[in-house]
Amino acid sequence: MTTLTFRPLHPHFAAEASAIDLREVRDAETFDQIRAAMDAHAVVVFRDQTFDAQEQLDFSERFDGKLHTQTSQSVLVKNRLGSEALSDVSNVSDEGDILAADDRRRMGSVSNRLWHTDASFVDPAGRYSMLLAKVVPPVRADTEFADMRAAYDALDEDTKATIDALRVRHSIVYSRQIMGFEFAPDEQARLPGAVHPLVRTIPGSGRRSLYLASHAAEVSGWPVPEGRLLLRDLIEHATQRNFVYSHEWRANDFVLWDNRATMHRARPFDDKRHRRELRRTTTLDLPIALQS
């Protein structure tokens, strides 16, 4: 067992782990330390990780079980990394060239600059995401995270009473259409969306958390305009600067976050000039007994 320490990166959440080679971790005690850190911090940064594609998949499954594969990217193009469970978060083509401005894959990924939470549009939804930086551009290309637990805690009691029992339909088709991206009918049929509670209690920490983002399309039982205004107000509340941690990437950073407790978004950079290659796995929020 390796004894880990975690250095806070923000007053509310996010921490950096002490040195460890995650490729070698197989013992339950070390995994328990990482899970406890996720409960406490929701975002954990591991430096200097050198996974290849299969090693990242293997670690993700050892840590948290079944992986998410039904991504919007998987309905558009064949995955160049060889597994639909390993999302290609990059601006690079199969041939290794930077994608053209009008490339359909690039146009779809621009929506990642909206606040979102991974795999909320499927059921079961995403639990942990794990993003590895393979190639980092020479300019800032940060990822921002918002602490949805602290955002919930800061709501007034009347708002909490209004939202605590609400349910929301999440759709990646909706969030992409906001940005002007259209799916073909057969593509849209493969992404039907899912309904989840607007407020969740996170097992482990026991904390209450808002669960919404750009995929949140409608509040069940509410008129669409009123529901979308509520969701927009809550997103604006949750993304005040005191709830946000901005991660400045280094090569071989491996960042884990809890999708049930955070939102995140990519920040813009000149992606038509600078190469950026990251690889993400996301686990599904299954009960422990069903993760195999």
Protein backbone atom coordinates (compact mmCIF):
# COMPACT_ATOMS: atom_id res chain seq x y z
CA MET A 1 0.00 0.00 0.00
CA THR A 2 1.14 3.54 -0.82
CA THR A 3 0.22 6.25 1.68
CA LEU A 4 -1.06 9.25 -0.27
CA THR A 5 -1.38 12.87 0.76
CA PHE A 6 -3.59 15.46 -0.92
CA ARG A 7 -2.80 19.17 -1.18
CA PRO A 8 -5.89 21.42 -1.52
CA LEU A 9 -6.01 23.54 -4.68
CA HIS A 10 -9.12 25.57 -3.85
CA PRO A 11 -10.94 26.60 -0.65
CA HIS A 12 -13.98 24.41 -1.44
CA PHE A 13 -12.67 21.47 -3.46
CA ALA A 14 -9.95 20.05 -5.77
CA ALA A 15 -6.63 18.63 -4.55
CA GLU A 16 -3.29 17.43 -5.91
CA ALA A 17 -2.13 13.95 -4.91
CA SER A 18 1.39 13.07 -3.85
CA ALA A 19 3.59 11.14 -6.26
CA ILE A 20 2.41 7.70 -7.33
CA ASP A 21 2.48 5.55 -10.48
CA LEU A 22 -1.20 4.65 -10.91
CA ARG A 23 -0.31 1.91 -13.41
CA GLU A 24 1.01 -0.12 -10.47
CA VAL A 25 -1.98 0.34 -8.14
CA ARG A 26 -3.95 -2.82 -7.53
CA ASP A 27 -4.44 -3.01 -3.77
CA ALA A 28 -7.78 -2.14 -2.19
CA GLU A 29 -6.22 0.09 0.47
CA THR A 30 -4.73 2.55 -2.05
CA PHE A 31 -7.95 2.61 -4.06
CA ASP A 32 -9.84 3.36 -0.84
CA GLN A 33 -7.57 6.36 -0.24
CA ILE A 34 -8.32 7.69 -3.73
CA ARG A 35 -12.08 7.18 -3.28
CA ALA A 36 -11.96 8.98 0.06
CA ALA A 37 -10.12 11.87 -1.61
CA MET A 38 -12.79 11.98 -4.33
CA ASP A 39 -15.50 12.16 -1.65
CA ALA A 40 -13.67 15.00 0.07
CA HIS A 41 -12.38 17.00 -2.90
CA ALA A 42 -14.45 15.89 -5.97
CA VAL A 43 -11.50 16.76 -8.26
CA VAL A 44 -8.08 15.12 -7.76
CA VAL A 45 -4.96 15.82 -9.86
CA PHE A 46 -2.27 13.17 -10.32
CA ARG A 47 0.94 14.39 -11.96
CA ASP A 48 3.36 12.52 -14.23
CA GLN A 49 1.15 9.61 -15.29
CA THR A 50 2.34 7.82 -18.44
CA PHE A 51 -0.51 5.47 -19.29
CA ASP A 52 -0.78 4.09 -22.77
CA ALA A 53 -4.35 3.61 -24.04
CA GLN A 54 -4.82 0.08 -22.68
CA GLU A 55 -3.24 0.95 -19.32
CA GLN A 56 -5.66 3.84 -18.87
CA LEU A 57 -8.62 1.57 -19.66
CA ASP A 58 -7.31 -1.09 -17.28
CA PHE A 59 -6.78 1.37 -14.42
CA SER A 60 -10.23 2.92 -14.88
CA GLU A 61 -11.93 -0.48 -14.72
CA ARG A 62 -9.88 -1.59 -11.70
CA PHE A 63 -10.73 1.63 -9.89
CA ASP A 64 -14.44 1.93 -10.59
CA GLY A 65 -15.83 -0.76 -12.85
CA LYS A 66 -17.95 -0.44 -15.99
CA LEU A 67 -17.02 2.26 -18.52
CA HIS A 68 -19.29 4.58 -20.49
CA THR A 69 -19.22 4.03 -24.27
CA GLN A 70 -22.38 5.73 -25.62
CA THR A 71 -20.82 9.12 -26.41
CA SER A 72 -21.88 11.64 -29.02
CA GLN A 73 -18.47 11.16 -30.63
CA SER A 74 -19.12 7.44 -31.04
CA VAL A 75 -22.16 8.09 -33.24
CA LEU A 76 -20.25 10.50 -35.49
CA VAL A 77 -16.89 8.88 -36.26
CA LYS A 78 -14.88 5.74 -35.63
CA ASN A 79 -12.70 6.12 -32.55
CA ARG A 80 -9.04 6.46 -33.63
CA LEU A 81 -7.86 5.16 -30.23
CA GLY A 82 -9.44 1.75 -30.77
CA SER A 83 -12.00 1.76 -27.94
CA GLU A 84 -15.29 3.63 -27.55
CA ALA A 85 -14.62 3.65 -23.80
CA LEU A 86 -11.57 5.89 -24.38
CA SER A 87 -12.86 9.27 -25.54
CA ASP A 88 -10.53 11.14 -27.88
CA VAL A 89 -10.58 14.68 -26.48
CA SER A 90 -8.38 16.21 -29.13
CA ASN A 91 -8.25 18.34 -32.25
CA VAL A 92 -6.35 15.71 -34.25
CA SER A 93 -7.50 13.57 -37.19
CA ASP A 94 -6.80 9.87 -37.75
CA GLU A 95 -3.82 10.93 -39.88
CA GLY A 96 -2.40 13.09 -37.09
CA ASP A 97 -3.29 16.46 -38.64
CA ILE A 98 -4.98 19.31 -36.77
CA LEU A 99 -8.68 19.28 -37.65
CA ALA A 100 -9.96 21.87 -40.10
CA ALA A 101 -12.23 24.61 -38.79
CA ASP A 102 -15.27 23.09 -40.49
CA ASP A 103 -14.52 19.47 -39.60
CA ARG A 104 -17.70 17.94 -38.18
CA ARG A 105 -15.90 16.35 -35.26
CA ARG A 106 -14.36 19.68 -34.27
CA MET A 107 -17.71 21.44 -34.61
CA GLY A 108 -19.29 18.92 -32.28
CA SER A 109 -16.54 19.19 -29.67
CA VAL A 110 -16.78 23.00 -29.48
CA SER A 111 -19.81 22.42 -27.26
CA ASN A 112 -17.44 21.12 -24.57
CA ARG A 113 -16.83 24.80 -23.82
CA LEU A 114 -20.30 24.86 -22.26
CA TRP A 115 -20.59 23.85 -18.62
CA HIS A 116 -21.47 20.16 -18.58
CA THR A 117 -21.21 16.92 -16.65
CA ASP A 118 -20.13 13.78 -18.49
CA ALA A 119 -22.69 11.14 -19.44
CA SER A 120 -25.67 12.75 -17.72
CA PHE A 121 -27.62 11.96 -20.89
CA VAL A 122 -27.55 8.19 -20.24
CA ASP A 123 -28.95 6.03 -17.45
CA PRO A 124 -27.01 5.00 -15.44
CA ALA A 125 -25.18 8.30 -15.67
CA GLY A 126 -21.47 8.97 -15.36
CA ARG A 127 -19.74 8.73 -12.01
CA TYR A 128 -15.98 9.38 -12.27
CA SER A 129 -14.22 10.86 -15.30
CA MET A 130 -10.45 10.44 -15.73
CA LEU A 131 -8.70 12.68 -18.23
CA LEU A 132 -5.06 12.22 -19.27
CA ALA A 133 -3.10 14.99 -21.00
CA LYS A 134 -0.87 13.45 -23.70
CA VAL A 135 -0.07 16.62 -25.70
CA VAL A 136 -0.49 20.08 -24.18
CA PRO A 137 -0.37 23.22 -26.38
CA PRO A 138 2.15 26.00 -25.68
CA VAL A 139 -0.73 28.31 -24.69
CA ARG A 140 -3.24 28.11 -21.85
CA ALA A 141 -6.02 25.61 -22.58
CA ASP A 142 -7.48 25.18 -19.12
CA THR A 143 -10.37 23.08 -17.90
CA GLU A 144 -12.61 24.73 -15.31
CA PHE A 145 -14.53 22.84 -12.63
CA ALA A 146 -17.47 24.04 -10.54
CA ASP A 147 -18.24 22.60 -7.10
CA MET A 148 -21.95 21.75 -7.19
CA ARG A 149 -22.00 20.74 -3.51
CA ALA A 150 -20.82 24.15 -2.33
CA ALA A 151 -23.23 25.75 -4.82
CA TYR A 152 -26.15 23.78 -3.33
CA ASP A 153 -25.10 24.64 0.22
CA ALA A 154 -25.14 28.35 -0.67
CA LEU A 155 -28.76 28.34 -1.92
CA ASP A 156 -31.45 29.90 0.25
CA GLU A 157 -33.88 27.56 1.96
CA ASP A 158 -36.85 28.52 -0.25
CA THR A 159 -34.90 27.59 -3.39
CA LYS A 160 -33.83 24.29 -1.85
CA ALA A 161 -37.45 23.50 -0.99
CA THR A 162 -38.49 24.29 -4.59
CA ILE A 163 -35.89 22.13 -6.30
CA ASP A 164 -35.20 19.21 -3.96
CA ALA A 165 -37.77 16.84 -5.51
CA LEU A 166 -37.48 17.97 -9.14
CA ARG A 167 -36.30 15.76 -12.00
CA VAL A 168 -34.61 16.92 -15.20
CA ARG A 169 -34.30 15.43 -18.68
CA HIS A 170 -30.71 15.51 -19.98
CA SER A 171 -29.98 15.38 -23.71
CA ILE A 172 -26.69 15.83 -25.54
CA VAL A 173 -28.70 16.46 -28.71
CA TYR A 174 -30.21 19.50 -26.95
CA SER A 175 -26.85 20.87 -25.76
CA ARG A 176 -25.26 20.45 -29.19
CA GLN A 177 -28.21 22.08 -30.94
CA ILE A 178 -27.79 25.13 -28.70
CA MET A 179 -24.41 25.59 -30.40
CA GLY A 180 -25.82 25.09 -33.91
CA PHE A 181 -24.67 21.48 -34.32
CA GLU A 182 -27.25 19.14 -35.87
CA PHE A 183 -27.43 15.36 -35.72
CA ALA A 184 -28.86 13.27 -38.54
CA PRO A 185 -32.11 11.46 -37.60
CA ASP A 186 -30.36 8.10 -37.16
CA GLU A 187 -27.67 9.70 -34.98
CA GLN A 188 -30.27 11.44 -32.85
CA ALA A 189 -32.14 8.18 -32.37
CA ARG A 190 -29.03 6.67 -30.76
CA LEU A 191 -28.93 9.49 -28.17
CA PRO A 192 -32.41 9.52 -26.60
CA GLY A 193 -31.44 11.21 -23.32
CA ALA A 194 -32.24 10.36 -19.69
CA VAL A 195 -34.03 11.76 -16.64
CA HIS A 196 -32.24 12.35 -13.31
CA PRO A 197 -32.90 14.17 -10.02
CA LEU A 198 -31.95 17.85 -9.96
CA VAL A 199 -30.50 17.42 -6.47
CA ARG A 200 -28.49 14.34 -5.54
CA THR A 201 -26.99 13.04 -2.32
CA ILE A 202 -23.46 11.80 -2.98
CA PRO A 203 -22.76 8.40 -1.40
CA GLY A 204 -19.56 8.45 0.60
CA SER A 205 -19.60 12.11 1.55
CA GLY A 206 -23.37 12.28 2.17
CA ARG A 207 -23.40 15.81 0.77
CA ARG A 208 -26.22 17.26 -1.30
CA SER A 209 -25.30 18.48 -4.78
CA LEU A 210 -26.92 20.17 -7.75
CA TYR A 211 -26.96 17.93 -10.82
CA LEU A 212 -27.35 19.91 -14.02
CA ALA A 213 -25.43 21.57 -16.84
CA SER A 214 -25.79 22.27 -20.57
CA HIS A 215 -27.31 18.82 -21.23
CA ALA A 216 -30.18 19.66 -18.84
CA ALA A 217 -33.04 20.35 -21.27
CA GLU A 218 -36.31 20.30 -19.35
CA VAL A 219 -37.66 20.11 -15.81
CA SER A 220 -40.15 17.26 -15.65
CA GLY A 221 -43.69 18.52 -15.08
CA TRP A 222 -42.82 22.19 -15.64
CA PRO A 223 -43.56 24.32 -18.71
CA VAL A 224 -40.41 24.26 -20.83
CA PRO A 225 -39.64 28.02 -20.63
CA GLU A 226 -39.98 28.16 -16.82
CA GLY A 227 -37.90 25.01 -16.42
CA ARG A 228 -35.11 26.26 -18.63
CA LEU A 229 -35.02 29.61 -16.85
CA LEU A 230 -34.68 27.81 -13.51
CA LEU A 231 -31.85 25.67 -14.86
CA ARG A 232 -30.08 28.70 -16.31
CA ASP A 233 -30.36 30.58 -13.01
CA LEU A 234 -28.91 27.60 -11.12
CA ILE A 235 -26.00 27.27 -13.56
CA GLU A 236 -25.23 30.97 -13.20
CA HIS A 237 -25.32 30.61 -9.42
CA ALA A 238 -23.09 27.51 -9.45
CA THR A 239 -20.44 29.05 -11.68
CA GLN A 240 -19.66 32.11 -9.58
CA ARG A 241 -15.90 32.42 -9.33
CA ASN A 242 -15.75 31.36 -5.68
CA PHE A 243 -17.11 27.93 -6.69
CA VAL A 244 -14.72 27.43 -9.64
CA TYR A 245 -11.26 25.83 -9.88
CA SER A 246 -9.30 26.35 -13.12
CA HIS A 247 -6.83 23.59 -14.00
CA GLU A 248 -3.79 24.62 -16.04
CA TRP A 249 -2.68 21.45 -17.80
CA ARG A 250 0.79 19.97 -17.82
CA ALA A 251 1.78 17.03 -19.99
CA ASN A 252 0.95 13.71 -18.25
CA ASP A 253 -1.53 15.24 -15.83
CA PHE A 254 -4.25 12.75 -14.96
CA VAL A 255 -7.30 14.46 -13.48
CA LEU A 256 -10.14 12.57 -11.83
CA TRP A 257 -13.48 14.20 -11.03
CA ASP A 258 -16.87 13.19 -9.69
CA ASN A 259 -19.55 14.05 -12.24
CA ARG A 260 -22.23 13.86 -9.55
CA ALA A 261 -20.59 16.69 -7.59
CA THR A 262 -19.10 18.95 -10.28
CA MET A 263 -19.58 20.57 -13.66
CA HIS A 264 -16.69 21.35 -15.98
CA ARG A 265 -15.92 23.09 -19.25
CA ALA A 266 -13.00 23.46 -21.66
CA ARG A 267 -11.65 26.96 -22.13
CA PRO A 268 -10.94 28.20 -25.67
CA PHE A 269 -7.52 28.34 -27.31
CA ASP A 270 -6.36 28.55 -30.92
CA ASP A 271 -7.23 24.94 -31.74
CA LYS A 272 -6.75 25.52 -35.47
CA ARG A 273 -3.06 26.19 -34.81
CA HIS A 274 -2.01 24.28 -31.69
CA ARG A 275 -2.27 20.52 -31.18
CA ARG A 276 -3.98 19.25 -28.02
CA GLU A 277 -4.52 15.58 -27.21
CA LEU A 278 -6.27 14.27 -24.11
CA ARG A 279 -7.90 10.90 -23.43
CA ARG A 280 -10.88 10.39 -21.14
CA THR A 281 -12.56 7.43 -19.53
CA THR A 282 -15.83 7.75 -17.61
CA THR A 283 -17.30 5.15 -15.30
CA LEU A 284 -21.02 4.56 -14.87
CA ASP A 285 -22.82 5.26 -11.58
CA LEU A 286 -23.74 1.65 -10.89
CA PRO A 287 -24.14 0.08 -7.46
CA ILE A 288 -20.95 -1.69 -6.43
CA ALA A 289 -22.57 -5.12 -6.86
CA LEU A 290 -23.39 -4.37 -10.52
CA GLN A 291 -20.05 -2.94 -11.68
CA SER A 292 -18.61 -6.12 -13.21
